[in-house]
Amino acid sequence: MEHSAHIALADHIRARRIKKQDFARLVGVRSEQLSRWLAGSVKPERSARILISIVTDGVVKPEDW
């Protein structure tokens, strides 16, 4: 599911009406890094994938990337 994790994350952020900069802060990265993840051009490190899973209540799992 590597191709869809970034889409699921973008959908989650949009559906929850979370500002991208606020989500980036929640997972400990700069908004520029989050933008790369959302574009699918960069895969988050394992620790960030775990945090993403926690913050999204398991909607985007670490193994989805």
Protein backbone atom coordinates (compact mmCIF):
# COMPACT_ATOMS: atom_id res chain seq x y z
CA MET A 1 0.00 0.00 0.00
CA GLU A 2 3.01 2.28 -0.28
CA HIS A 3 1.35 4.35 -2.98
CA SER A 4 -1.68 5.19 -0.87
CA ALA A 5 -0.31 6.00 2.60
CA HIS A 6 0.47 9.59 1.68
CA ILE A 7 -3.01 9.96 0.18
CA ALA A 8 -4.64 8.51 3.30
CA LEU A 9 -2.63 10.92 5.44
CA ALA A 10 -3.63 13.90 3.29
CA ASP A 11 -7.27 12.81 3.46
CA HIS A 12 -7.07 12.45 7.24
CA ILE A 13 -5.57 15.92 7.67
CA ARG A 14 -8.16 17.45 5.35
CA ALA A 15 -11.13 15.62 6.93
CA ARG A 16 -10.09 16.67 10.44
CA ARG A 17 -9.48 20.24 9.27
CA ILE A 18 -6.05 20.20 10.84
CA LYS A 19 -3.58 22.80 9.63
CA LYS A 20 -0.61 21.13 8.00
CA GLN A 21 1.78 23.07 10.20
CA ASP A 22 -0.06 21.85 13.31
CA PHE A 23 0.06 18.23 12.16
CA ALA A 24 3.76 18.59 11.38
CA ARG A 25 4.33 19.89 14.89
CA LEU A 26 2.43 16.90 16.35
CA VAL A 27 4.81 14.45 14.67
CA GLY A 28 7.91 16.56 15.29
CA VAL A 29 8.83 17.70 11.79
CA ARG A 30 8.84 20.93 9.82
CA SER A 31 5.91 21.60 7.53
CA GLU A 32 8.24 21.30 4.51
CA GLN A 33 8.98 17.69 5.48
CA LEU A 34 5.28 16.94 5.88
CA SER A 35 4.68 18.37 2.41
CA ARG A 36 7.22 15.90 0.98
CA TRP A 37 5.41 13.03 2.69
CA LEU A 38 2.04 14.20 1.43
CA ALA A 39 3.40 14.47 -2.11
CA GLY A 40 4.67 10.90 -1.86
CA SER A 41 8.20 11.95 -2.75
CA VAL A 42 9.72 10.96 0.61
CA LYS A 43 8.88 8.10 2.95
CA PRO A 44 8.84 9.06 6.66
CA GLU A 45 11.37 7.43 8.95
CA ARG A 46 10.04 4.58 11.07
CA SER A 47 9.75 6.73 14.21
CA ALA A 48 7.70 9.30 12.30
CA ARG A 49 5.49 6.55 10.80
CA ILE A 50 4.76 5.33 14.32
CA LEU A 51 3.83 8.84 15.46
CA ILE A 52 1.65 9.31 12.38
CA SER A 53 -0.17 6.10 13.29
CA ILE A 54 -0.73 7.30 16.85
CA VAL A 55 -1.88 10.78 15.83
CA THR A 56 -4.25 9.41 13.16
CA ASP A 57 -5.67 6.79 15.57
CA GLY A 58 -4.35 4.02 13.34
CA VAL A 59 -5.87 5.31 10.12
CA VAL A 60 -2.37 5.47 8.58
CA LYS A 61 -0.30 2.57 9.90
CA PRO A 62 3.51 2.39 9.86
CA GLU A 63 3.44 -0.58 7.49
CA ASP A 64 1.23 1.30 5.01
CA TRP A 65 4.24 3.23 3.76
